[in-house]
Amino acid sequence: MPKLAGVNHLDAVRAFEKAGFWIVRQGKHIVMTDGTRILTVPRHNPVNAITMGNLVRDAGLTNDRFRELL
């Protein structure tokens, strides 16, 4: 599984919004949902590659699809 290193948290949030997620609340983390799934995106740059891969998987996306949305 290819890694998603060096992804800015704001770029990740925009990509998840394109995939149908919206922001529920913000603080030290950005919490997003699509009505079924909940994602918690940390507010630091860049987001750790392992964390980003787990977020993409939890969102039900593939790494390639996520890269298209970036």
N, C-alpha and C. Protein backbone atom coordinates (compact mmCIF):
# COMPACT_ATOMS: atom_id res chain seq x y z
N MET A 1 0.84 -1.17 0.00
CA MET A 1 0.00 0.00 0.00
C MET A 1 0.89 1.25 0.00
N PRO A 2 0.80 2.10 -1.03
CA PRO A 2 1.63 3.29 -1.09
C PRO A 2 1.28 4.26 0.03
N LYS A 3 2.31 4.97 0.50
CA LYS A 3 2.10 5.91 1.60
C LYS A 3 1.63 7.26 1.07
N LEU A 4 0.97 8.00 1.93
CA LEU A 4 0.48 9.34 1.60
C LEU A 4 1.21 10.35 2.48
N ALA A 5 2.51 10.46 2.30
CA ALA A 5 3.30 11.35 3.14
C ALA A 5 3.20 12.80 2.66
N GLY A 6 3.36 13.72 3.58
CA GLY A 6 3.43 15.13 3.25
C GLY A 6 2.12 15.78 2.88
N VAL A 7 1.01 15.28 3.36
CA VAL A 7 -0.29 15.87 3.04
C VAL A 7 -0.64 16.92 4.09
N ASN A 8 -0.91 18.13 3.64
CA ASN A 8 -1.33 19.21 4.50
C ASN A 8 -2.73 18.91 5.03
N HIS A 9 -3.01 19.22 6.29
CA HIS A 9 -4.33 18.88 6.86
C HIS A 9 -5.46 19.62 6.16
N LEU A 10 -5.23 20.85 5.69
CA LEU A 10 -6.29 21.58 4.99
C LEU A 10 -6.58 20.96 3.62
N ASP A 11 -5.54 20.48 2.94
CA ASP A 11 -5.74 19.80 1.66
C ASP A 11 -6.52 18.50 1.87
N ALA A 12 -6.21 17.79 2.95
CA ALA A 12 -6.92 16.55 3.25
C ALA A 12 -8.39 16.83 3.53
N VAL A 13 -8.68 17.89 4.29
CA VAL A 13 -10.07 18.25 4.59
C VAL A 13 -10.82 18.57 3.30
N ARG A 14 -10.20 19.34 2.40
CA ARG A 14 -10.85 19.67 1.12
C ARG A 14 -11.12 18.41 0.30
N ALA A 15 -10.18 17.48 0.30
CA ALA A 15 -10.36 16.23 -0.46
C ALA A 15 -11.51 15.41 0.13
N PHE A 16 -11.59 15.33 1.46
CA PHE A 16 -12.69 14.60 2.08
C PHE A 16 -14.03 15.29 1.82
N GLU A 17 -14.03 16.62 1.75
CA GLU A 17 -15.27 17.34 1.41
C GLU A 17 -15.73 17.00 0.00
N LYS A 18 -14.80 16.87 -0.93
CA LYS A 18 -15.14 16.47 -2.30
C LYS A 18 -15.71 15.06 -2.33
N ALA A 19 -15.30 14.22 -1.34
CA ALA A 19 -15.77 12.84 -1.28
C ALA A 19 -17.11 12.74 -0.55
N GLY A 20 -17.67 13.87 -0.10
CA GLY A 20 -18.99 13.84 0.51
C GLY A 20 -19.02 14.03 2.02
N PHE A 21 -17.88 14.31 2.63
CA PHE A 21 -17.83 14.55 4.07
C PHE A 21 -18.01 16.04 4.35
N TRP A 22 -18.46 16.36 5.53
CA TRP A 22 -18.56 17.75 5.96
C TRP A 22 -18.04 17.88 7.38
N ILE A 23 -17.68 19.12 7.73
CA ILE A 23 -17.09 19.38 9.04
C ILE A 23 -18.19 19.47 10.09
N VAL A 24 -18.04 18.71 11.17
CA VAL A 24 -18.99 18.72 12.28
C VAL A 24 -18.52 19.71 13.35
N ARG A 25 -17.23 19.62 13.71
CA ARG A 25 -16.68 20.56 14.68
C ARG A 25 -15.17 20.64 14.50
N GLN A 26 -14.61 21.72 15.06
CA GLN A 26 -13.19 21.96 14.94
C GLN A 26 -12.61 22.36 16.29
N GLY A 27 -11.39 21.98 16.50
CA GLY A 27 -10.65 22.31 17.71
C GLY A 27 -9.21 21.96 17.41
N LYS A 28 -8.58 21.16 18.27
CA LYS A 28 -7.23 20.67 17.96
C LYS A 28 -7.28 19.65 16.83
N HIS A 29 -8.45 19.08 16.60
CA HIS A 29 -8.69 18.16 15.49
C HIS A 29 -9.93 18.63 14.74
N ILE A 30 -10.04 18.24 13.48
CA ILE A 30 -11.21 18.54 12.68
C ILE A 30 -12.02 17.26 12.56
N VAL A 31 -13.25 17.28 13.03
CA VAL A 31 -14.11 16.10 13.00
C VAL A 31 -15.05 16.24 11.81
N MET A 32 -15.05 15.22 10.96
CA MET A 32 -15.87 15.23 9.75
C MET A 32 -16.74 13.98 9.72
N THR A 33 -17.86 14.08 9.01
CA THR A 33 -18.75 12.93 8.86
C THR A 33 -19.39 12.95 7.48
N ASP A 34 -19.88 11.80 7.07
CA ASP A 34 -20.68 11.70 5.84
C ASP A 34 -22.08 11.20 6.18
N GLY A 35 -22.42 11.22 7.46
CA GLY A 35 -23.70 10.72 7.92
C GLY A 35 -23.59 9.31 8.47
N THR A 36 -22.57 8.59 8.07
CA THR A 36 -22.34 7.22 8.53
C THR A 36 -21.00 7.09 9.22
N ARG A 37 -19.96 7.54 8.55
CA ARG A 37 -18.60 7.43 9.08
C ARG A 37 -18.18 8.74 9.75
N ILE A 38 -17.27 8.65 10.70
CA ILE A 38 -16.71 9.82 11.37
C ILE A 38 -15.20 9.77 11.21
N LEU A 39 -14.62 10.89 10.75
CA LEU A 39 -13.17 11.02 10.60
C LEU A 39 -12.67 12.11 11.53
N THR A 40 -11.51 11.92 12.13
CA THR A 40 -10.89 12.92 12.97
C THR A 40 -9.52 13.25 12.37
N VAL A 41 -9.42 14.44 11.78
CA VAL A 41 -8.20 14.86 11.10
C VAL A 41 -7.40 15.75 12.05
N PRO A 42 -6.15 15.38 12.37
CA PRO A 42 -5.34 16.21 13.26
C PRO A 42 -4.92 17.50 12.56
N ARG A 43 -4.81 18.58 13.34
CA ARG A 43 -4.39 19.87 12.79
C ARG A 43 -2.89 20.04 12.92
N HIS A 44 -2.11 19.31 12.17
CA HIS A 44 -0.67 19.56 12.11
C HIS A 44 -0.17 19.19 10.73
N ASN A 45 0.90 19.84 10.32
CA ASN A 45 1.42 19.66 8.98
C ASN A 45 2.85 19.16 9.02
N PRO A 46 3.19 18.23 8.17
CA PRO A 46 2.26 17.40 7.41
C PRO A 46 1.65 16.32 8.30
N VAL A 47 0.51 15.83 7.90
CA VAL A 47 -0.12 14.74 8.65
C VAL A 47 0.73 13.49 8.44
N ASN A 48 0.99 12.77 9.50
CA ASN A 48 1.79 11.54 9.46
C ASN A 48 1.25 10.59 8.38
N ALA A 49 2.15 9.95 7.64
CA ALA A 49 1.76 9.07 6.53
C ALA A 49 0.88 7.92 6.99
N ILE A 50 1.18 7.34 8.14
CA ILE A 50 0.38 6.22 8.64
C ILE A 50 -1.01 6.71 9.03
N THR A 51 -1.07 7.86 9.70
CA THR A 51 -2.36 8.45 10.08
C THR A 51 -3.19 8.77 8.85
N MET A 52 -2.56 9.36 7.83
CA MET A 52 -3.28 9.72 6.61
C MET A 52 -3.81 8.48 5.91
N GLY A 53 -3.00 7.42 5.85
CA GLY A 53 -3.45 6.17 5.23
C GLY A 53 -4.64 5.58 5.97
N ASN A 54 -4.62 5.65 7.30
CA ASN A 54 -5.74 5.14 8.09
C ASN A 54 -7.00 5.98 7.88
N LEU A 55 -6.85 7.30 7.77
CA LEU A 55 -8.01 8.16 7.52
C LEU A 55 -8.65 7.85 6.16
N VAL A 56 -7.80 7.66 5.16
CA VAL A 56 -8.30 7.34 3.82
C VAL A 56 -9.05 6.02 3.84
N ARG A 57 -8.48 5.02 4.52
CA ARG A 57 -9.14 3.71 4.62
C ARG A 57 -10.46 3.83 5.37
N ASP A 58 -10.47 4.58 6.48
CA ASP A 58 -11.69 4.75 7.28
C ASP A 58 -12.77 5.49 6.50
N ALA A 59 -12.36 6.34 5.56
CA ALA A 59 -13.33 7.08 4.74
C ALA A 59 -13.90 6.21 3.63
N GLY A 60 -13.35 5.01 3.45
CA GLY A 60 -13.84 4.11 2.41
C GLY A 60 -13.27 4.44 1.04
N LEU A 61 -12.12 5.12 1.00
CA LEU A 61 -11.49 5.49 -0.26
C LEU A 61 -10.22 4.66 -0.46
N THR A 62 -9.76 4.63 -1.70
CA THR A 62 -8.45 4.04 -1.97
C THR A 62 -7.44 5.19 -2.01
N ASN A 63 -6.15 4.85 -1.89
CA ASN A 63 -5.11 5.88 -1.96
C ASN A 63 -5.13 6.59 -3.30
N ASP A 64 -5.37 5.86 -4.38
CA ASP A 64 -5.40 6.47 -5.71
C ASP A 64 -6.58 7.45 -5.83
N ARG A 65 -7.74 7.04 -5.34
CA ARG A 65 -8.92 7.92 -5.40
C ARG A 65 -8.69 9.18 -4.56
N PHE A 66 -8.05 9.02 -3.39
CA PHE A 66 -7.77 10.17 -2.54
C PHE A 66 -6.82 11.13 -3.24
N ARG A 67 -5.79 10.59 -3.91
CA ARG A 67 -4.85 11.45 -4.64
C ARG A 67 -5.56 12.23 -5.74
N GLU A 68 -6.54 11.61 -6.40
CA GLU A 68 -7.32 12.31 -7.44
C GLU A 68 -8.09 13.48 -6.84
N LEU A 69 -8.58 13.30 -5.61
CA LEU A 69 -9.36 14.35 -4.97
C LEU A 69 -8.51 15.50 -4.45
N LEU A 70 -7.21 15.24 -4.25
CA LEU A 70 -6.31 16.30 -3.73
C LEU A 70 -6.15 17.41 -4.71
